[in-house]
């Protein structure tokens, strides 16, 4: 491995004041005032001083004051040690080659061979360990930097230095946690996870997070008449067979992975909910790292209502679903869900519906649900005049395999017609049970299941339509 040549370049540690970072969904802007030249291990964005673009130069020399420089210098030292071990192995091999023909005494040859073999084995083991270490160091380094060498301003900036960083190197995402307390209240915690892999250790007095892009391109809209015209059949065109040509174009993106963190002293940041989709964090030290920095934004409690539901036509699993009214806008529908402080789902899903927010908490595996169509021989159909009537249905079987009583809401449906040519009528639900027939054919049934109880529900409906009409459902 080629040794690095040091370029003599005066090094100044970046002294920051009036530091501000803005992170949008497409890029981030870091504004600082500094009296030195060192920027960091950063390439891929724009650097300006007092709104004027400035020249950036690379160096092979780096200060020992931050964790990226320490890692960089450790890689350099490890590379040098590998080169040194290789040279030592070559020296031993050359020595053996030159001396083997001059030693006549067999005992001395054997003794020398043992010493040389032991030394060479030790060097080979050392070389192997050094190569493994270098591979790990390079892997860590590539996850937290965008440049292979430290970057410096050619001339110091006497005013405001602004660094624009692409979103793939620095970004944030909301994290939502719900702690359900006895199915009556929910504690909602909103956090943000901030990722910085830009190669710049950021120390922001104020960090502004915007859940929207900074740049939005809207092209001029021209009015075009909406024309109705007679539909004419298109002439049939005959094509000759030909081999399809397929073009592919791919773009690679780096993936996040756990790695080394910074050695900057930890400071407790303060998160503030400034507005919907807009947050502020005060006093945030954000070293370039493969690990996310998590900051609390807000916490509140709300009343909640929970229950078990099953949608047999779509999914036979029984879900626990909770409803609550959020006090603040929810921007992301993935949740960490707890019950009385105990983690039960790291990848819960939620969504807005009818003014409430639904949390799909987890599935209840103690309740088994089956759904099957009524067999053909049980169907009754016939033609009456010019109309055809078809009787159809399905059977739902539910078993509570637990030793606890459970209340379950079953949500299914009968077909619904979008035309007056087809009529659909609910005939019966057996056994006799309370139910709600809602719009679009939706049926809601609430069941109380005793421990180990087995229940069946049979739903029958009728379709009426012209005998010459073909129907699918």
Protein backbone atom coordinates (compact mmCIF):
# COMPACT_ATOMS: atom_id res chain seq x y z
CA UNK A 1 0.00 0.00 0.00
CA UNK A 2 1.38 3.39 -0.99
CA UNK A 3 2.34 5.63 1.90
CA UNK A 4 0.65 9.01 2.06
CA UNK A 5 2.73 12.11 1.32
CA UNK A 6 2.10 14.91 3.77
CA UNK A 7 1.31 18.31 2.33
CA UNK A 8 2.42 21.15 4.58
CA UNK A 9 -0.71 23.13 5.16
CA UNK A 10 -1.38 25.38 8.15
CA UNK A 11 -4.11 23.82 10.28
CA UNK A 12 -6.63 25.86 12.22
CA UNK A 13 -9.31 24.25 14.33
CA UNK A 14 -12.76 25.56 13.42
CA UNK A 15 -13.97 27.93 16.13
CA UNK A 16 -17.74 28.29 15.84
CA UNK A 17 -20.14 30.94 17.05
CA UNK A 18 -23.69 31.91 16.08
CA UNK A 19 -24.09 28.37 14.78
CA UNK A 20 -27.33 27.45 13.04
CA UNK A 21 -28.46 24.32 11.19
CA UNK A 22 -31.60 23.96 9.08
CA UNK A 23 -32.58 20.47 7.90
CA UNK A 24 -35.18 20.06 5.17
CA UNK A 25 -36.29 16.89 3.40
CA UNK A 26 -34.03 17.56 0.40
CA UNK A 27 -31.00 19.28 1.93
CA UNK A 28 -29.52 20.93 5.02
CA UNK A 29 -27.90 24.34 5.51
CA UNK A 30 -25.21 24.87 8.16
CA UNK A 31 -24.28 28.47 8.97
CA UNK A 32 -21.27 29.31 11.13
CA UNK A 33 -18.78 32.06 11.84
CA UNK A 34 -15.22 30.81 12.14
CA UNK A 35 -11.63 31.98 12.18
CA UNK A 36 -9.94 28.93 10.67
CA UNK A 37 -9.75 26.88 7.50
CA UNK A 38 -10.66 23.35 8.54
CA UNK A 39 -14.14 22.21 7.41
CA UNK A 40 -14.19 18.44 7.83
CA UNK A 41 -14.22 15.33 5.67
CA UNK A 42 -16.95 16.72 3.44
CA UNK A 43 -17.59 16.67 -0.29
CA UNK A 44 -20.75 16.69 -2.32
CA UNK A 45 -22.34 20.00 -1.36
CA UNK A 46 -21.71 23.72 -1.71
CA UNK A 47 -19.57 25.96 0.53
CA UNK A 48 -19.84 29.75 0.44
CA UNK A 49 -18.50 32.69 2.44
CA UNK A 50 -20.75 35.75 2.67
CA UNK A 51 -22.90 34.27 -0.16
CA UNK A 52 -19.88 33.86 -2.46
CA UNK A 53 -18.66 30.38 -3.44
CA UNK A 54 -15.21 29.62 -2.03
CA UNK A 55 -12.42 27.26 -3.11
CA UNK A 56 -11.87 24.09 -1.11
CA UNK A 57 -8.56 22.18 -1.02
CA UNK A 58 -7.64 18.72 0.27
CA UNK A 59 -4.81 17.73 2.59
CA UNK A 60 -3.31 14.46 3.85
CA UNK A 61 -2.68 16.02 7.25
CA UNK A 62 -5.36 16.16 9.93
CA UNK A 63 -5.61 17.52 13.48
CA UNK A 64 -6.00 15.17 16.49
CA UNK A 65 -8.82 17.27 17.94
CA UNK A 66 -11.84 15.34 16.67
CA UNK A 67 -12.90 11.71 16.32
CA UNK A 68 -12.84 11.67 12.51
CA UNK A 69 -9.23 12.87 12.43
CA UNK A 70 -8.27 10.27 15.01
CA UNK A 71 -9.85 7.54 12.91
CA UNK A 72 -8.22 8.92 9.75
CA UNK A 73 -4.76 8.96 11.38
CA UNK A 74 -5.30 5.47 12.80
CA UNK A 75 -6.02 4.22 9.27
CA UNK A 76 -2.82 5.88 8.08
CA UNK A 77 -0.79 4.29 10.91
CA UNK A 78 -2.32 0.86 10.25
CA UNK A 79 -1.51 1.16 6.53
CA UNK A 80 2.10 2.03 7.41
CA UNK A 81 2.33 -0.98 9.76
CA UNK A 82 1.05 -3.25 6.97
CA UNK A 83 3.71 -1.91 4.59
CA UNK A 84 6.34 -2.42 7.29
CA UNK A 85 5.26 -6.04 7.91
CA UNK A 86 5.35 -6.78 4.17
CA UNK A 87 8.87 -5.35 3.88
CA UNK A 88 10.03 -7.45 6.85
CA UNK A 89 8.64 -10.61 5.25
CA UNK A 90 10.41 -9.77 1.98
CA UNK A 91 13.66 -9.18 3.89
CA UNK A 92 13.43 -12.61 5.58
CA UNK A 93 12.73 -14.31 2.25
CA UNK A 94 15.70 -12.55 0.65
CA UNK A 95 17.92 -13.48 3.60
CA UNK A 96 16.93 -17.15 3.37
CA UNK A 97 17.55 -17.18 -0.35
CA UNK A 98 21.07 -15.69 -0.01
CA UNK A 99 22.23 -17.78 2.99
CA UNK A 100 20.76 -21.21 2.28
CA UNK A 101 23.50 -22.16 -0.20
CA UNK A 102 26.37 -21.04 2.10
CA UNK A 103 25.37 -23.12 5.18
CA UNK A 104 26.87 -26.61 5.00
CA UNK A 105 26.23 -27.91 8.53
CA UNK A 106 22.84 -29.70 8.51
CA UNK A 107 22.22 -28.92 12.19
CA UNK A 108 22.75 -25.22 11.62
CA UNK A 109 20.45 -25.29 8.60
CA UNK A 110 17.70 -26.92 10.69
CA UNK A 111 18.18 -24.49 13.60
CA UNK A 112 18.14 -21.46 11.30
CA UNK A 113 15.07 -22.74 9.49
CA UNK A 114 13.13 -23.09 12.77
CA UNK A 115 13.99 -19.52 13.88
CA UNK A 116 13.16 -18.06 10.48
CA UNK A 117 9.91 -20.01 10.18
CA UNK A 118 8.78 -18.84 13.62
CA UNK A 119 9.59 -15.22 12.83
CA UNK A 120 7.89 -15.38 9.42
CA UNK A 121 4.79 -17.03 10.93
CA UNK A 122 4.59 -14.30 13.55
CA UNK A 123 4.87 -11.61 10.86
CA UNK A 124 2.20 -13.27 8.70
CA UNK A 125 -0.18 -13.43 11.66
CA UNK A 126 0.51 -9.78 12.46
CA UNK A 127 -0.08 -8.87 8.80
CA UNK A 128 -3.40 -10.72 8.73
CA UNK A 129 -4.61 -8.96 11.90
CA UNK A 130 -3.52 -5.58 10.55
CA UNK A 131 -5.44 -6.14 7.31
CA UNK A 132 -8.59 -7.10 9.27
CA UNK A 133 -8.20 -4.01 11.43
CA UNK A 134 -7.72 -1.80 8.37
CA UNK A 135 -10.84 -3.23 6.74
CA UNK A 136 -12.92 -2.48 9.85
CA UNK A 137 -11.48 1.02 10.15
CA UNK A 138 -12.17 1.79 6.48
CA UNK A 139 -15.73 0.49 6.87
CA UNK A 140 -16.33 2.77 9.88
CA UNK A 141 -14.73 5.70 8.10
CA UNK A 142 -16.85 5.32 4.95
CA UNK A 143 -20.07 5.41 7.02
CA UNK A 144 -19.38 8.80 8.60
CA UNK A 145 -17.62 10.79 5.86
CA UNK A 146 -18.16 11.91 2.27
CA UNK A 147 -14.46 12.63 1.55
CA UNK A 148 -11.33 10.47 1.88
CA UNK A 149 -9.21 13.43 2.96
CA UNK A 150 -9.82 16.43 5.22
CA UNK A 151 -11.05 19.56 3.45
CA UNK A 152 -9.93 23.14 4.09
CA UNK A 153 -10.82 26.62 2.91
CA UNK A 154 -8.10 28.04 0.67
CA UNK A 155 -8.56 31.36 2.47
CA UNK A 156 -10.19 31.96 5.89
CA UNK A 157 -13.76 33.27 5.83
CA UNK A 158 -14.12 36.53 7.73
CA UNK A 159 -17.92 36.44 7.75
CA UNK A 160 -20.63 33.78 7.60
CA UNK A 161 -19.65 30.40 6.24
CA UNK A 162 -22.59 28.50 4.74
CA UNK A 163 -22.36 24.80 3.95
CA UNK A 164 -25.15 23.15 1.94
CA UNK A 165 -25.35 19.40 2.58
CA UNK A 166 -27.43 16.92 0.51
CA UNK A 167 -30.19 15.10 2.41
CA UNK A 168 -28.57 11.67 1.93
CA UNK A 169 -25.78 12.82 4.29
CA UNK A 170 -27.86 14.66 6.88
CA UNK A 171 -31.58 14.20 7.52
CA UNK A 172 -34.20 13.56 10.19
CA UNK A 173 -37.39 11.58 10.65
CA UNK A 174 -40.11 11.69 13.34
CA UNK A 175 -40.44 8.85 15.84
CA UNK A 176 -43.76 8.27 17.61
CA UNK A 177 -44.25 6.25 20.79
CA UNK A 178 -47.60 5.35 22.36
CA UNK A 179 -47.83 4.02 25.91
CA UNK A 180 -51.38 2.69 26.46
CA UNK A 181 -52.42 2.91 30.13
CA UNK A 182 -55.12 0.38 31.10
CA UNK A 183 -56.87 0.90 27.73
CA UNK A 184 -58.11 4.28 29.02
CA UNK A 185 -55.33 6.75 28.36
CA UNK A 186 -52.40 6.98 25.99
CA UNK A 187 -49.11 8.77 26.58
CA UNK A 188 -47.86 10.03 23.22
CA UNK A 189 -44.18 10.89 22.86
CA UNK A 190 -42.85 12.47 19.69
CA UNK A 191 -39.12 12.38 18.98
CA UNK A 192 -36.90 13.10 16.01
CA UNK A 193 -34.02 10.89 14.89
CA UNK A 194 -31.31 13.05 13.30
CA UNK A 195 -28.67 11.44 11.10
CA UNK A 196 -25.37 13.13 10.28
CA UNK A 197 -22.95 11.28 8.00
CA UNK A 198 -21.65 14.39 6.27
CA UNK A 199 -18.07 14.26 7.61
CA UNK A 200 -18.64 17.51 9.53
CA UNK A 201 -19.00 17.52 13.31
CA UNK A 202 -21.86 19.94 13.88
CA UNK A 203 -22.37 21.98 17.02
CA UNK A 204 -25.59 23.96 16.58
CA UNK A 205 -26.91 26.52 19.03
CA UNK A 206 -30.19 26.28 17.16
CA UNK A 207 -31.35 23.49 14.88
CA UNK A 208 -34.49 23.96 12.77
CA UNK A 209 -36.19 20.88 11.35
CA UNK A 210 -38.67 21.22 8.49
CA UNK A 211 -40.77 18.24 7.39
CA UNK A 212 -40.87 19.59 3.81
CA UNK A 213 -38.39 20.24 0.98
CA UNK A 214 -36.56 23.56 0.70
CA UNK A 215 -36.74 23.65 -3.07
CA UNK A 216 -40.02 22.99 -4.81
CA UNK A 217 -40.39 23.26 -8.56
CA UNK A 218 -43.84 24.27 -9.84
CA UNK A 219 -44.12 24.58 -13.59
CA UNK A 220 -46.56 27.05 -15.18
CA UNK A 221 -50.02 25.56 -15.70
CA UNK A 222 -51.77 26.33 -18.99
CA UNK A 223 -55.51 25.84 -19.42
CA UNK A 224 -56.49 23.25 -22.00
CA UNK A 225 -60.10 22.71 -23.06
CA UNK A 226 -61.68 19.44 -21.99
CA UNK A 227 -63.01 18.12 -25.26
CA UNK A 228 -65.69 15.53 -25.80
CA UNK A 229 -65.75 13.87 -29.21
CA UNK A 230 -67.29 10.93 -30.99
CA UNK A 231 -65.55 7.67 -30.24
CA UNK A 232 -64.36 6.06 -33.46
CA UNK A 233 -62.88 2.58 -33.59
CA UNK A 234 -59.15 2.59 -34.17
CA UNK A 235 -57.90 0.66 -37.22
CA UNK A 236 -56.22 -2.58 -36.33
CA UNK A 237 -52.47 -2.47 -36.85
CA UNK A 238 -50.43 -5.59 -37.49
CA UNK A 239 -46.99 -5.74 -35.92
CA UNK A 240 -44.10 -7.98 -36.81
CA UNK A 241 -42.60 -9.92 -33.96
CA UNK A 242 -39.35 -8.51 -32.62
CA UNK A 243 -37.14 -9.06 -29.66
CA UNK A 244 -37.83 -6.65 -26.82
CA UNK A 245 -35.10 -4.25 -25.94
CA UNK A 246 -34.77 -3.60 -22.24
CA UNK A 247 -32.86 -0.66 -20.87
CA UNK A 248 -31.96 -0.46 -17.23
CA UNK A 249 -30.72 2.37 -15.12
CA UNK A 250 -29.88 2.07 -11.45
CA UNK A 251 -28.88 4.41 -8.74
CA UNK A 252 -27.10 3.29 -5.62
CA UNK A 253 -27.74 4.79 -2.21
CA UNK A 254 -25.79 4.28 1.02
CA UNK A 255 -27.56 2.45 3.85
CA UNK A 256 -27.46 3.27 7.48
CA UNK A 257 -25.68 0.90 9.79
CA UNK A 258 -24.51 1.02 13.36
CA UNK A 259 -20.90 2.13 13.82
CA UNK A 260 -18.65 4.34 15.88
CA UNK A 261 -19.97 7.47 17.52
CA UNK A 262 -18.23 10.77 18.17
CA UNK A 263 -16.03 11.65 21.10
CA UNK A 264 -17.62 15.08 21.58
CA UNK A 265 -18.79 15.60 25.16
CA UNK A 266 -22.56 14.88 25.36
CA UNK A 267 -24.88 17.85 25.84
CA UNK A 268 -28.57 17.46 26.67
CA UNK A 269 -30.44 19.10 23.77
CA UNK A 270 -33.83 20.79 24.17
CA UNK A 271 -36.54 19.94 21.61
CA UNK A 272 -39.42 22.32 20.86
CA UNK A 273 -42.60 21.76 18.82
CA UNK A 274 -42.65 25.03 16.91
CA UNK A 275 -45.46 24.30 14.46
CA UNK A 276 -46.98 21.42 12.50
CA UNK A 277 -44.11 19.78 10.58
CA UNK A 278 -41.63 22.24 12.05
CA UNK A 279 -39.42 21.65 15.12
CA UNK A 280 -36.55 23.39 16.88
CA UNK A 281 -33.70 21.84 18.86
CA UNK A 282 -31.47 23.99 21.06
CA UNK A 283 -27.82 23.28 21.88
CA UNK A 284 -27.30 20.15 19.83
CA UNK A 285 -23.90 18.54 19.37
CA UNK A 286 -24.21 16.35 16.29
CA UNK A 287 -20.96 14.54 15.48
CA UNK A 288 -20.70 12.84 12.10
CA UNK A 289 -21.65 9.28 12.98
CA UNK A 290 -23.43 6.20 11.67
CA UNK A 291 -25.73 6.41 14.71
CA UNK A 292 -28.84 8.58 14.92
CA UNK A 293 -29.24 11.26 17.54
CA UNK A 294 -32.71 11.11 19.14
CA UNK A 295 -34.30 14.18 20.70
CA UNK A 296 -37.68 14.49 22.47
CA UNK A 297 -39.98 17.07 20.88
CA UNK A 298 -43.24 16.82 22.85
CA UNK A 299 -45.29 14.64 25.19
CA UNK A 300 -49.02 14.63 25.96
CA UNK A 301 -51.83 12.38 27.19
CA UNK A 302 -55.16 11.66 25.55
CA UNK A 303 -58.19 9.49 26.27
CA UNK A 304 -58.18 6.25 24.31
CA UNK A 305 -60.64 3.47 23.53
CA UNK A 306 -59.41 -0.02 22.62
CA UNK A 307 -61.01 -3.20 21.38
CA UNK A 308 -60.51 -6.40 19.40
CA UNK A 309 -61.54 -6.51 15.75
CA UNK A 310 -61.43 -8.98 12.90
CA UNK A 311 -62.10 -8.48 9.19
CA UNK A 312 -62.61 -12.10 8.03
CA UNK A 313 -63.11 -11.30 4.34
CA UNK A 314 -59.69 -9.61 4.20
CA UNK A 315 -57.68 -11.07 7.09
CA UNK A 316 -58.40 -13.83 9.59
CA UNK A 317 -56.15 -12.37 12.26
CA UNK A 318 -57.74 -10.64 15.25
CA UNK A 319 -56.31 -7.17 15.87
CA UNK A 320 -56.28 -4.93 18.89
CA UNK A 321 -57.18 -1.44 17.66
CA UNK A 322 -57.22 1.76 19.73
CA UNK A 323 -58.80 5.15 18.93
CA UNK A 324 -57.72 8.54 20.25
CA UNK A 325 -57.82 12.20 19.24
CA UNK A 326 -54.27 13.53 18.71
CA UNK A 327 -53.54 16.98 20.11
CA UNK A 328 -50.90 17.62 17.45
CA UNK A 329 -50.49 16.69 13.81
CA UNK A 330 -49.03 13.20 13.27
CA UNK A 331 -46.62 13.15 10.31
CA UNK A 332 -45.58 9.51 10.21
CA UNK A 333 -47.74 6.42 10.61
CA UNK A 334 -45.17 4.03 12.11
CA UNK A 335 -45.22 3.67 15.91
CA UNK A 336 -43.43 2.14 18.85
CA UNK A 337 -46.30 0.84 21.01
CA UNK A 338 -46.19 -0.02 24.71
CA UNK A 339 -48.78 -1.13 27.23
CA UNK A 340 -48.25 0.16 30.78
CA UNK A 341 -44.57 0.71 29.94
CA UNK A 342 -43.99 -2.73 28.40
CA UNK A 343 -42.92 -2.83 24.77
CA UNK A 344 -45.36 -4.89 22.68
CA UNK A 345 -44.77 -3.70 19.09
CA UNK A 346 -41.73 -1.93 17.62
CA UNK A 347 -43.37 -1.57 14.21
CA UNK A 348 -46.95 -0.60 14.92
CA UNK A 349 -49.07 1.14 12.29
CA UNK A 350 -51.56 3.98 12.66
CA UNK A 351 -53.78 6.14 10.47
CA UNK A 352 -56.35 8.93 10.60
CA UNK A 353 -60.01 7.96 10.23
CA UNK A 354 -63.21 9.96 10.83
CA UNK A 355 -61.48 12.57 12.97
CA UNK A 356 -59.77 10.00 15.18
CA UNK A 357 -56.42 8.29 14.98
CA UNK A 358 -56.35 4.49 14.84
CA UNK A 359 -53.50 2.50 16.30
CA UNK A 360 -53.17 -1.08 15.13
CA UNK A 361 -51.56 -2.34 18.31
CA UNK A 362 -50.97 -6.07 17.82
CA UNK A 363 -52.72 -9.34 16.97
CA UNK A 364 -54.50 -11.59 19.46
CA UNK A 365 -53.38 -15.13 18.70
CA UNK A 366 -55.72 -16.65 21.32
CA UNK A 367 -58.70 -16.19 19.02
CA UNK A 368 -58.93 -18.35 15.90
CA UNK A 369 -61.18 -17.23 13.05
CA UNK A 370 -62.20 -19.18 9.94
CA UNK A 371 -64.39 -18.10 7.02
CA UNK A 372 -65.79 -20.26 4.25
CA UNK A 373 -68.46 -19.99 1.58
CA UNK A 374 -71.66 -21.92 1.94
CA UNK A 375 -71.20 -24.99 -0.27
CA UNK A 376 -72.88 -25.03 -3.69
CA UNK A 377 -75.50 -27.64 -2.78
CA UNK A 378 -76.84 -25.30 -0.11
CA UNK A 379 -77.33 -22.48 -2.61
CA UNK A 380 -80.79 -21.77 -3.94
CA UNK A 381 -81.21 -20.03 -7.26
CA UNK A 382 -83.85 -19.78 -9.94
CA UNK A 383 -85.33 -17.72 -12.74
CA UNK A 384 -88.55 -15.86 -12.09
CA UNK A 385 -89.93 -14.23 -15.20
CA UNK A 386 -87.09 -12.30 -16.76
CA UNK A 387 -85.08 -12.09 -13.52
CA UNK A 388 -82.57 -14.42 -12.01
CA UNK A 389 -82.21 -14.74 -8.24
CA UNK A 390 -79.15 -16.20 -6.57
CA UNK A 391 -78.93 -17.01 -2.87
CA UNK A 392 -75.39 -17.08 -1.52
CA UNK A 393 -73.59 -16.76 1.80
CA UNK A 394 -70.69 -17.59 4.04
CA UNK A 395 -69.98 -19.00 7.47
CA UNK A 396 -67.63 -17.49 10.08
CA UNK A 397 -66.30 -19.69 12.88
CA UNK A 398 -64.65 -18.13 15.94
CA UNK A 399 -62.90 -19.97 18.79
CA UNK A 400 -61.58 -18.32 21.96
CA UNK A 401 -58.70 -20.54 23.02
CA UNK A 402 -57.72 -18.48 26.04
CA UNK A 403 -58.86 -18.78 29.66
CA UNK A 404 -60.17 -15.19 29.61
CA UNK A 405 -63.44 -13.73 28.40
CA UNK A 406 -63.03 -11.60 25.27
CA UNK A 407 -65.19 -9.08 23.45
CA UNK A 408 -64.70 -9.08 19.69
CA UNK A 409 -66.15 -6.94 16.90
CA UNK A 410 -66.55 -8.86 13.63
CA UNK A 411 -66.60 -6.69 10.51
CA UNK A 412 -67.59 -8.33 7.24
CA UNK A 413 -69.85 -7.48 4.32
CA UNK A 414 -72.33 -8.58 1.69
CA UNK A 415 -71.93 -7.47 -1.95
CA UNK A 416 -73.02 -3.96 -2.80
CA UNK A 417 -74.38 -2.87 -6.17
CA UNK A 418 -73.41 0.29 -8.05
CA UNK A 419 -76.19 -0.10 -10.62
CA UNK A 420 -79.97 -0.46 -10.48
CA UNK A 421 -79.68 -3.49 -12.77
CA UNK A 422 -78.50 -5.55 -9.80
CA UNK A 423 -80.25 -5.71 -6.42
CA UNK A 424 -78.65 -7.14 -3.29
CA UNK A 425 -80.62 -8.04 -0.16
CA UNK A 426 -79.48 -9.40 3.19
CA UNK A 427 -81.63 -12.47 3.93
CA UNK A 428 -80.49 -13.61 7.35
CA UNK A 429 -77.78 -13.77 9.97
CA UNK A 430 -77.91 -16.88 12.13
CA UNK A 431 -78.10 -17.48 15.00
CA UNK A 432 -80.25 -14.52 15.96
CA UNK A 433 -77.79 -11.86 17.02
CA UNK A 434 -77.53 -8.07 17.18
CA UNK A 435 -75.81 -6.57 14.17
CA UNK A 436 -75.49 -3.33 12.21
CA UNK A 437 -75.89 -3.16 8.44
CA UNK A 438 -74.06 -0.04 7.34
CA UNK A 439 -73.54 1.58 3.96
CA UNK A 440 -71.70 -0.26 1.17
CA UNK A 441 -72.85 -3.62 2.55
CA UNK A 442 -70.75 -3.41 5.70
CA UNK A 443 -71.87 -5.63 8.59
CA UNK A 444 -70.74 -5.14 12.19
CA UNK A 445 -71.35 -7.80 14.84
CA UNK A 446 -70.17 -7.61 18.45
CA UNK A 447 -69.51 -10.93 20.19
CA UNK A 448 -68.80 -11.79 23.80
CA UNK A 449 -66.68 -14.93 23.98
CA UNK A 450 -66.32 -16.93 27.16
CA UNK A 451 -63.09 -18.86 27.86
CA UNK A 452 -62.68 -21.68 25.30
CA UNK A 453 -66.03 -20.80 23.69
CA UNK A 454 -66.81 -21.68 20.06
CA UNK A 455 -69.26 -19.57 17.99
CA UNK A 456 -70.46 -19.68 14.37
CA UNK A 457 -72.19 -17.01 12.30
CA UNK A 458 -73.96 -17.72 9.02
CA UNK A 459 -74.69 -14.82 6.66
CA UNK A 460 -77.06 -15.31 3.69
CA UNK A 461 -77.85 -12.76 0.97
CA UNK A 462 -79.72 -12.64 -2.34
CA UNK A 463 -78.79 -11.15 -5.71
CA UNK A 464 -81.50 -10.26 -8.27
CA UNK A 465 -80.70 -9.26 -11.85
CA UNK A 466 -81.74 -9.79 -15.46
CA UNK A 467 -81.34 -13.40 -16.53
CA UNK A 468 -79.19 -12.39 -19.51
CA UNK A 469 -76.85 -10.31 -17.36
CA UNK A 470 -73.48 -11.72 -16.32
CA UNK A 471 -72.51 -10.90 -12.74
CA UNK A 472 -69.31 -11.26 -10.73
CA UNK A 473 -68.72 -10.57 -7.06
